[in-house]
PDB file of N, CA and C in Angstrom:
ATOM      1  N   MET A   1     -27.031 117.976  56.289  1.00  0.00           N
ATOM      2  CA  MET A   1     -26.552 116.628  56.811  1.00  0.00           C
ATOM      3  C   MET A   1     -27.706 116.072  57.518  1.00  0.00           C
ATOM      4  N   GLU A   2     -28.489 116.745  58.107  1.00  0.00           N
ATOM      5  CA  GLU A   2     -29.517 116.061  59.121  1.00  0.00           C
ATOM      6  C   GLU A   2     -30.519 115.336  58.239  1.00  0.00           C
ATOM      7  N   ALA A   3     -30.784 115.818  56.950  1.00  0.00           N
ATOM      8  CA  ALA A   3     -31.868 115.058  56.110  1.00  0.00           C
ATOM      9  C   ALA A   3     -31.050 113.800  55.622  1.00  0.00           C
ATOM     10  N   VAL A   4     -29.973 113.590  55.549  1.00  0.00           N
ATOM     11  CA  VAL A   4     -29.211 112.607  54.885  1.00  0.00           C
ATOM     12  C   VAL A   4     -29.233 111.476  55.995  1.00  0.00           C
ATOM     13  N   VAL A   5     -28.907 111.908  57.370  1.00  0.00           N
ATOM     14  CA  VAL A   5     -28.875 110.938  58.397  1.00  0.00           C
ATOM     15  C   VAL A   5     -30.302 110.360  58.651  1.00  0.00           C
ATOM     16  N   GLN A   6     -31.241 111.215  58.682  1.00  0.00           N
ATOM     17  CA  GLN A   6     -32.516 110.687  58.733  1.00  0.00           C
ATOM     18  C   GLN A   6     -33.066 109.563  57.769  1.00  0.00           C
ATOM     19  N   ALA A   7     -32.703 110.011  56.531  1.00  0.00           N
ATOM     20  CA  ALA A   7     -33.044 109.153  55.578  1.00  0.00           C
ATOM     21  C   ALA A   7     -32.142 107.905  55.637  1.00  0.00           C
ATOM     22  N   THR A   8     -31.108 107.886  55.976  1.00  0.00           N
ATOM     23  CA  THR A   8     -30.292 106.701  56.247  1.00  0.00           C
ATOM     24  C   THR A   8     -30.844 105.891  57.381  1.00  0.00           C
ATOM     25  N   ILE A   9     -31.283 106.465  58.462  1.00  0.00           N
ATOM     26  CA  ILE A   9     -31.842 105.796  59.652  1.00  0.00           C
ATOM     27  C   ILE A   9     -33.163 104.964  59.046  1.00  0.00           C
ATOM     28  N   SER A  10     -33.946 105.797  58.282  1.00  0.00           N
ATOM     29  CA  SER A  10     -35.112 105.278  57.837  1.00  0.00           C
ATOM     30  C   SER A  10     -34.971 104.146  56.841  1.00  0.00           C
ATOM     31  N   ALA A  11     -33.749 104.019  56.244  1.00  0.00           N
ATOM     32  CA  ALA A  11     -33.508 102.977  55.343  1.00  0.00           C
ATOM     33  C   ALA A  11     -33.081 101.659  55.952  1.00  0.00           C
ATOM     34  N   LEU A  12     -32.969 101.653  57.244  1.00  0.00           N
ATOM     35  CA  LEU A  12     -32.433 100.416  57.929  1.00  0.00           C
ATOM     36  C   LEU A  12     -33.255  99.342  57.742  1.00  0.00           C
ATOM     37  N   GLY A  13     -34.537  99.509  58.087  1.00  0.00           N
ATOM     38  CA  GLY A  13     -35.632  98.575  58.142  1.00  0.00           C
ATOM     39  C   GLY A  13     -36.825  98.939  59.067  1.00  0.00           C
ATOM     40  N   TYR A  14     -37.722  97.926  59.442  1.00  0.00           N
ATOM     41  CA  TYR A  14     -38.826  98.110  60.299  1.00  0.00           C
ATOM     42  C   TYR A  14     -39.095  96.881  61.030  1.00  0.00           C
ATOM     43  N   LEU A  15     -39.901  97.084  62.091  1.00  0.00           N
ATOM     44  CA  LEU A  15     -40.383  96.129  63.156  1.00  0.00           C
ATOM     45  C   LEU A  15     -41.811  95.954  62.753  1.00  0.00           C
ATOM     46  N   GLU A  16     -42.308  94.805  62.577  1.00  0.00           N
ATOM     47  CA  GLU A  16     -43.686  94.536  62.346  1.00  0.00           C
ATOM     48  C   GLU A  16     -44.071  93.108  63.032  1.00  0.00           C
ATOM     49  N   SER A  17     -45.158  93.109  64.024  1.00  0.00           N
ATOM     50  CA  SER A  17     -45.545  92.146  64.576  1.00  0.00           C
ATOM     51  C   SER A  17     -44.530  91.429  65.380  1.00  0.00           C
ATOM     52  N   GLY A  18     -43.453  92.113  65.882  1.00  0.00           N
ATOM     53  CA  GLY A  18     -42.345  91.407  66.594  1.00  0.00           C
ATOM     54  C   GLY A  18     -41.148  90.910  65.783  1.00  0.00           C
ATOM     55  N   VAL A  19     -41.476  91.084  64.440  1.00  0.00           N
ATOM     56  CA  VAL A  19     -40.298  90.651  63.465  1.00  0.00           C
ATOM     57  C   VAL A  19     -39.781  91.856  62.783  1.00  0.00           C
ATOM     58  N   TYR A  20     -38.341  91.838  62.788  1.00  0.00           N
ATOM     59  CA  TYR A  20     -37.677  92.937  62.055  1.00  0.00           C
ATOM     60  C   TYR A  20     -37.330  92.656  60.814  1.00  0.00           C
ATOM     61  N   TYR A  21     -37.685  93.446  59.846  1.00  0.00           N
ATOM     62  CA  TYR A  21     -37.442  93.285  58.309  1.00  0.00           C
ATOM     63  C   TYR A  21     -36.515  94.294  57.875  1.00  0.00           C
ATOM     64  N   PRO A  22     -35.231  93.931  57.755  1.00  0.00           N
ATOM     65  CA  PRO A  22     -34.165  94.837  57.172  1.00  0.00           C
ATOM     66  C   PRO A  22     -34.426  95.240  55.849  1.00  0.00           C
ATOM     67  N   GLU A  23     -34.197  96.473  55.419  1.00  0.00           N
ATOM     68  CA  GLU A  23     -34.208  96.821  53.977  1.00  0.00           C
ATOM     69  C   GLU A  23     -33.104  96.221  53.292  1.00  0.00           C
ATOM     70  N   PRO A  24     -33.313  96.100  51.862  1.00  0.00           N
ATOM     71  CA  PRO A  24     -32.189  95.323  51.080  1.00  0.00           C
ATOM     72  C   PRO A  24     -30.800  96.121  51.236  1.00  0.00           C
ATOM     73  N   ASP A  25     -30.780  97.445  51.500  1.00  0.00           N
ATOM     74  CA  ASP A  25     -29.576  98.151  51.640  1.00  0.00           C
ATOM     75  C   ASP A  25     -29.317  98.379  53.050  1.00  0.00           C
ATOM     76  N   CYS A  26     -29.802  97.652  54.038  1.00  0.00           N
ATOM     77  CA  CYS A  26     -29.591  97.897  55.472  1.00  0.00           C
ATOM     78  C   CYS A  26     -28.118  97.825  55.766  1.00  0.00           C
ATOM     79  N   PHE A  27     -27.238  96.786  55.259  1.00  0.00           N
ATOM     80  CA  PHE A  27     -25.808  96.860  55.524  1.00  0.00           C
ATOM     81  C   PHE A  27     -25.086  98.073  55.127  1.00  0.00           C
ATOM     82  N   GLU A  28     -25.502  98.701  53.821  1.00  0.00           N
ATOM     83  CA  GLU A  28     -24.870  99.853  53.536  1.00  0.00           C
ATOM     84  C   GLU A  28     -25.327 100.921  54.294  1.00  0.00           C
ATOM     85  N   SER A  29     -26.493 101.038  54.819  1.00  0.00           N
ATOM     86  CA  SER A  29     -27.053 102.162  55.546  1.00  0.00           C
ATOM     87  C   SER A  29     -26.370 102.201  56.796  1.00  0.00           C
ATOM     88  N   ILE A  30     -26.074 101.029  57.514  1.00  0.00           N
ATOM     89  CA  ILE A  30     -25.339 100.936  58.816  1.00  0.00           C
ATOM     90  C   ILE A  30     -23.917 101.333  58.574  1.00  0.00           C
ATOM     91  N   ARG A  31     -23.191 101.083  57.545  1.00  0.00           N
ATOM     92  CA  ARG A  31     -21.962 101.567  57.067  1.00  0.00           C
ATOM     93  C   ARG A  31     -21.885 102.970  57.103  1.00  0.00           C
ATOM     94  N   ASP A  32     -22.912 103.700  56.428  1.00  0.00           N
ATOM     95  CA  ASP A  32     -22.920 105.087  56.304  1.00  0.00           C
ATOM     96  C   ASP A  32     -23.189 105.840  57.634  1.00  0.00           C
ATOM     97  N   LEU A  33     -23.921 105.167  58.494  1.00  0.00           N
ATOM     98  CA  LEU A  33     -24.145 105.760  59.869  1.00  0.00           C
ATOM     99  C   LEU A  33     -22.854 105.625  60.613  1.00  0.00           C
ATOM    100  N   ILE A  34     -22.013 104.683  60.514  1.00  0.00           N
ATOM    101  CA  ILE A  34     -20.827 104.517  61.170  1.00  0.00           C
ATOM    102  C   ILE A  34     -19.848 105.761  60.633  1.00  0.00           C
ATOM    103  N   ARG A  35     -19.968 105.989  59.443  1.00  0.00           N
ATOM    104  CA  ARG A  35     -19.117 107.089  58.719  1.00  0.00           C
ATOM    105  C   ARG A  35     -19.592 108.241  59.333  1.00  0.00           C
ATOM    106  N   PHE A  36     -20.824 108.554  59.478  1.00  0.00           N
ATOM    107  CA  PHE A  36     -21.504 109.826  59.859  1.00  0.00           C
ATOM    108  C   PHE A  36     -21.028 110.191  61.219  1.00  0.00           C
ATOM    109  N   LEU A  37     -21.107 109.028  62.148  1.00  0.00           N
ATOM    110  CA  LEU A  37     -20.778 109.202  63.608  1.00  0.00           C
ATOM    111  C   LEU A  37     -19.357 109.422  63.646  1.00  0.00           C
ATOM    112  N   ARG A  38     -18.506 108.883  62.997  1.00  0.00           N
ATOM    113  CA  ARG A  38     -17.033 109.112  63.084  1.00  0.00           C
ATOM    114  C   ARG A  38     -16.645 110.637  62.628  1.00  0.00           C
ATOM    115  N   ASN A  39     -17.414 111.184  61.657  1.00  0.00           N
ATOM    116  CA  ASN A  39     -17.079 112.402  61.092  1.00  0.00           C
ATOM    117  C   ASN A  39     -18.207 113.434  61.553  1.00  0.00           C
ATOM    118  N   ASP A  40     -18.774 113.090  62.628  1.00  0.00           N
ATOM    119  CA  ASP A  40     -19.803 114.056  63.093  1.00  0.00           C
ATOM    120  C   ASP A  40     -19.454 115.464  63.370  1.00  0.00           C
ATOM    121  N   THR A  41     -20.308 116.460  63.258  1.00  0.00           N
ATOM    122  CA  THR A  41     -20.185 117.856  63.498  1.00  0.00           C
ATOM    123  C   THR A  41     -20.017 118.193  64.930  1.00  0.00           C
ATOM    124  N   LYS A  42     -19.660 119.402  65.102  1.00  0.00           N
ATOM    125  CA  LYS A  42     -19.407 119.866  66.571  1.00  0.00           C
ATOM    126  C   LYS A  42     -20.783 119.973  67.296  1.00  0.00           C
ATOM    127  N   MET A  43     -21.767 119.976  66.423  1.00  0.00           N
ATOM    128  CA  MET A  43     -23.173 120.052  67.149  1.00  0.00           C
ATOM    129  C   MET A  43     -23.627 118.535  67.409  1.00  0.00           C
ATOM    130  N   ALA A  44     -22.992 117.656  66.899  1.00  0.00           N
ATOM    131  CA  ALA A  44     -23.144 116.179  67.091  1.00  0.00           C
ATOM    132  C   ALA A  44     -24.499 115.836  66.503  1.00  0.00           C
ATOM    133  N   THR A  45     -24.716 116.299  65.344  1.00  0.00           N
ATOM    134  CA  THR A  45     -25.902 116.109  64.447  1.00  0.00           C
ATOM    135  C   THR A  45     -26.286 114.666  64.389  1.00  0.00           C
ATOM    136  N   ALA A  46     -25.313 113.775  63.898  1.00  0.00           N
ATOM    137  CA  ALA A  46     -25.566 112.332  63.578  1.00  0.00           C
ATOM    138  C   ALA A  46     -25.872 111.727  64.989  1.00  0.00           C
ATOM    139  N   ARG A  47     -25.137 111.872  65.987  1.00  0.00           N
ATOM    140  CA  ARG A  47     -25.434 111.280  67.253  1.00  0.00           C
ATOM    141  C   ARG A  47     -26.689 111.745  67.873  1.00  0.00           C
ATOM    142  N   ARG A  48     -26.975 112.956  67.670  1.00  0.00           N
ATOM    143  CA  ARG A  48     -28.375 113.402  68.352  1.00  0.00           C
ATOM    144  C   ARG A  48     -29.573 112.722  67.583  1.00  0.00           C
ATOM    145  N   LEU A  49     -29.457 112.505  66.220  1.00  0.00           N
ATOM    146  CA  LEU A  49     -30.342 111.929  65.508  1.00  0.00           C
ATOM    147  C   LEU A  49     -30.614 110.509  65.784  1.00  0.00           C
ATOM    148  N   CYS A  50     -29.482 109.792  65.966  1.00  0.00           N
ATOM    149  CA  CYS A  50     -29.548 108.499  66.300  1.00  0.00           C
ATOM    150  C   CYS A  50     -30.091 108.179  67.701  1.00  0.00           C
ATOM    151  N   GLY A  51     -29.770 109.149  68.628  1.00  0.00           N
ATOM    152  CA  GLY A  51     -30.484 109.125  69.880  1.00  0.00           C
ATOM    153  C   GLY A  51     -31.945 109.300  69.897  1.00  0.00           C
ATOM    154  N   GLU A  52     -32.382 110.461  69.040  1.00  0.00           N
ATOM    155  CA  GLU A  52     -33.718 110.793  69.037  1.00  0.00           C
ATOM    156  C   GLU A  52     -34.630 109.685  68.555  1.00  0.00           C
ATOM    157  N   ARG A  53     -34.051 108.869  67.411  1.00  0.00           N
ATOM    158  CA  ARG A  53     -34.813 107.814  66.724  1.00  0.00           C
ATOM    159  C   ARG A  53     -34.539 106.513  67.460  1.00  0.00           C
ATOM    160  N   ASN A  54     -33.875 106.482  68.618  1.00  0.00           N
ATOM    161  CA  ASN A  54     -33.465 105.409  69.314  1.00  0.00           C
ATOM    162  C   ASN A  54     -32.975 104.148  68.529  1.00  0.00           C
ATOM    163  N   ILE A  55     -31.981 104.253  67.739  1.00  0.00           N
ATOM    164  CA  ILE A  55     -31.805 103.133  66.688  1.00  0.00           C
ATOM    165  C   ILE A  55     -31.268 101.885  67.509  1.00  0.00           C
ATOM    166  N   VAL A  56     -30.793 102.119  68.627  1.00  0.00           N
ATOM    167  CA  VAL A  56     -30.298 100.829  69.347  1.00  0.00           C
ATOM    168  C   VAL A  56     -31.423 100.023  69.644  1.00  0.00           C
ATOM    169  N   ARG A  57     -32.575 100.521  70.286  1.00  0.00           N
ATOM    170  CA  ARG A  57     -33.783  99.711  70.650  1.00  0.00           C
ATOM    171  C   ARG A  57     -34.549  99.293  69.428  1.00  0.00           C
ATOM    172  N   CYS A  58     -34.738 100.416  68.430  1.00  0.00           N
ATOM    173  CA  CYS A  58     -35.743 100.036  67.482  1.00  0.00           C
ATOM    174  C   CYS A  58     -35.104  99.447  66.212  1.00  0.00           C
ATOM    175  N   ASP A  59     -33.827  99.436  66.124  1.00  0.00           N
ATOM    176  CA  ASP A  59     -33.226  98.879  64.913  1.00  0.00           C
ATOM    177  C   ASP A  59     -32.174  97.674  65.215  1.00  0.00           C
ATOM    178  N   LEU A  60     -31.196  98.276  65.997  1.00  0.00           N
ATOM    179  CA  LEU A  60     -29.816  97.417  66.084  1.00  0.00           C
ATOM    180  C   LEU A  60     -30.146  96.216  66.958  1.00  0.00           C
ATOM    181  N   ILE A  61     -30.865  96.267  68.062  1.00  0.00           N
ATOM    182  CA  ILE A  61     -31.196  95.106  68.885  1.00  0.00           C
ATOM    183  C   ILE A  61     -32.012  94.061  68.017  1.00  0.00           C
ATOM    184  N   PRO A  62     -33.036  94.410  67.465  1.00  0.00           N
ATOM    185  CA  PRO A  62     -33.951  93.683  66.602  1.00  0.00           C
ATOM    186  C   PRO A  62     -33.033  92.960  65.554  1.00  0.00           C
ATOM    187  N   ILE A  63     -32.212  93.670  64.900  1.00  0.00           N
ATOM    188  CA  ILE A  63     -31.347  93.108  63.830  1.00  0.00           C
ATOM    189  C   ILE A  63     -30.403  92.010  64.455  1.00  0.00           C
ATOM    190  N   MET A  64     -29.800  92.174  65.523  1.00  0.00           N
ATOM    191  CA  MET A  64     -28.897  91.319  66.147  1.00  0.00           C
ATOM    192  C   MET A  64     -29.652  90.123  66.954  1.00  0.00           C
ATOM    193  N   LYS A  65     -30.908  90.268  67.307  1.00  0.00           N
ATOM    194  CA  LYS A  65     -31.645  89.295  67.874  1.00  0.00           C
ATOM    195  C   LYS A  65     -32.315  88.203  66.849  1.00  0.00           C
ATOM    196  N   SER A  66     -32.409  88.603  65.711  1.00  0.00           N
ATOM    197  CA  SER A  66     -33.162  87.937  64.599  1.00  0.00           C
ATOM    198  C   SER A  66     -32.306  86.617  64.229  1.00  0.00           C
ATOM    199  N   PRO A  67     -32.930  85.494  64.343  1.00  0.00           N
ATOM    200  CA  PRO A  67     -32.022  84.290  63.928  1.00  0.00           C
ATOM    201  C   PRO A  67     -31.682  84.298  62.296  1.00  0.00           C
ATOM    202  N   ASN A  68     -32.469  85.033  61.510  1.00  0.00           N
ATOM    203  CA  ASN A  68     -32.216  85.176  60.121  1.00  0.00           C
ATOM    204  C   ASN A  68     -31.171  86.142  59.660  1.00  0.00           C
ATOM    205  N   THR A  69     -30.625  86.919  60.637  1.00  0.00           N
ATOM    206  CA  THR A  69     -29.691  87.965  60.329  1.00  0.00           C
ATOM    207  C   THR A  69     -28.294  87.306  59.739  1.00  0.00           C
ATOM    208  N   PRO A  70     -27.862  87.701  58.615  1.00  0.00           N
ATOM    209  CA  PRO A  70     -26.505  87.154  58.271  1.00  0.00           C
ATOM    210  C   PRO A  70     -25.475  87.753  59.048  1.00  0.00           C
ATOM    211  N   ASP A  71     -24.321  86.948  59.071  1.00  0.00           N
ATOM    212  CA  ASP A  71     -23.283  87.344  59.958  1.00  0.00           C
ATOM    213  C   ASP A  71     -22.640  88.622  59.790  1.00  0.00           C
ATOM    214  N   ASN A  72     -22.541  89.107  58.450  1.00  0.00           N
ATOM    215  CA  ASN A  72     -21.994  90.152  58.192  1.00  0.00           C
ATOM    216  C   ASN A  72     -22.997  91.470  58.678  1.00  0.00           C
ATOM    217  N   LEU A  73     -24.234  91.220  58.626  1.00  0.00           N
ATOM    218  CA  LEU A  73     -25.256  92.272  59.035  1.00  0.00           C
ATOM    219  C   LEU A  73     -25.039  92.357  60.658  1.00  0.00           C
ATOM    220  N   PHE A  74     -24.973  91.220  61.188  1.00  0.00           N
ATOM    221  CA  PHE A  74     -24.824  91.168  62.679  1.00  0.00           C
ATOM    222  C   PHE A  74     -23.680  91.887  63.160  1.00  0.00           C
ATOM    223  N   ASP A  75     -22.530  91.506  62.522  1.00  0.00           N
ATOM    224  CA  ASP A  75     -21.229  92.230  62.906  1.00  0.00           C
ATOM    225  C   ASP A  75     -21.266  93.783  62.844  1.00  0.00           C
ATOM    226  N   ILE A  76     -21.727  94.289  61.626  1.00  0.00           N
ATOM    227  CA  ILE A  76     -21.700  95.720  61.402  1.00  0.00           C
ATOM    228  C   ILE A  76     -22.682  96.303  62.396  1.00  0.00           C
ATOM    229  N   ALA A  77     -23.834  95.798  62.833  1.00  0.00           N
ATOM    230  CA  ALA A  77     -24.941  96.236  63.578  1.00  0.00           C
ATOM    231  C   ALA A  77     -24.215  96.425  65.043  1.00  0.00           C
ATOM    232  N   LEU A  78     -23.441  95.371  65.419  1.00  0.00           N
ATOM    233  CA  LEU A  78     -22.757  95.513  66.635  1.00  0.00           C
ATOM    234  C   LEU A  78     -21.666  96.475  66.747  1.00  0.00           C
ATOM    235  N   ARG A  79     -21.031  96.761  65.609  1.00  0.00           N
ATOM    236  CA  ARG A  79     -20.007  97.928  65.542  1.00  0.00           C
ATOM    237  C   ARG A  79     -20.707  99.153  65.808  1.00  0.00           C
ATOM    238  N   LEU A  80     -21.887  99.332  65.128  1.00  0.00           N
ATOM    239  CA  LEU A  80     -22.638 100.717  65.217  1.00  0.00           C
ATOM    240  C   LEU A  80     -23.073 100.675  66.604  1.00  0.00           C
ATOM    241  N   ASN A  81     -23.522  99.704  67.237  1.00  0.00           N
ATOM    242  CA  ASN A  81     -24.047  99.695  68.634  1.00  0.00           C
ATOM    243  C   ASN A  81     -22.890 100.272  69.684  1.00  0.00           C
ATOM    244  N   PHE A  82     -21.657  99.979  69.256  1.00  0.00           N
ATOM    245  CA  PHE A  82     -20.555 100.309  70.215  1.00  0.00           C
ATOM    246  C   PHE A  82     -20.375 101.812  69.997  1.00  0.00           C
ATOM    247  N   LEU A  83     -20.784 102.343  68.836  1.00  0.00           N
ATOM    248  CA  LEU A  83     -20.302 103.837  68.632  1.00  0.00           C
ATOM    249  C   LEU A  83     -21.614 104.804  69.095  1.00  0.00           C
ATOM    250  N   THR A  84     -22.773 104.175  69.420  1.00  0.00           N
ATOM    251  CA  THR A  84     -23.823 105.091  69.844  1.00  0.00           C
ATOM    252  C   THR A  84     -23.718 104.910  71.464  1.00  0.00           C
ATOM    253  N   ARG A  85     -24.079 106.135  71.970  1.00  0.00           N
ATOM    254  CA  ARG A  85     -24.276 106.275  73.493  1.00  0.00           C
ATOM    255  C   ARG A  85     -25.634 105.831  73.663  1.00  0.00           C
ATOM    256  N   THR A  86     -25.762 105.150  74.990  1.00  0.00           N
ATOM    257  CA  THR A  86     -27.254 104.965  75.442  1.00  0.00           C
ATOM    258  C   THR A  86     -27.664 105.770  76.499  1.00  0.00           C
TER     259      THR A  86
END
């Protein structure tokens, strides 16, 4: 499961020169991460990996701050933000 979660996090997008570029399947990747967090193992693998990669600061906040983010992507990024501990 660890490799799948890491690949999903990597598929969100990237920040370059202060601009966040979501990957074409970013929405689906966030949906997958929500599913992984809801069905996490006793070892909290998905939660731990999200924390290690700091997806809130590196991905979710830049997605929500971008004026070009579609409403559906903003909404699902906000949902994932509520599921992750800071």
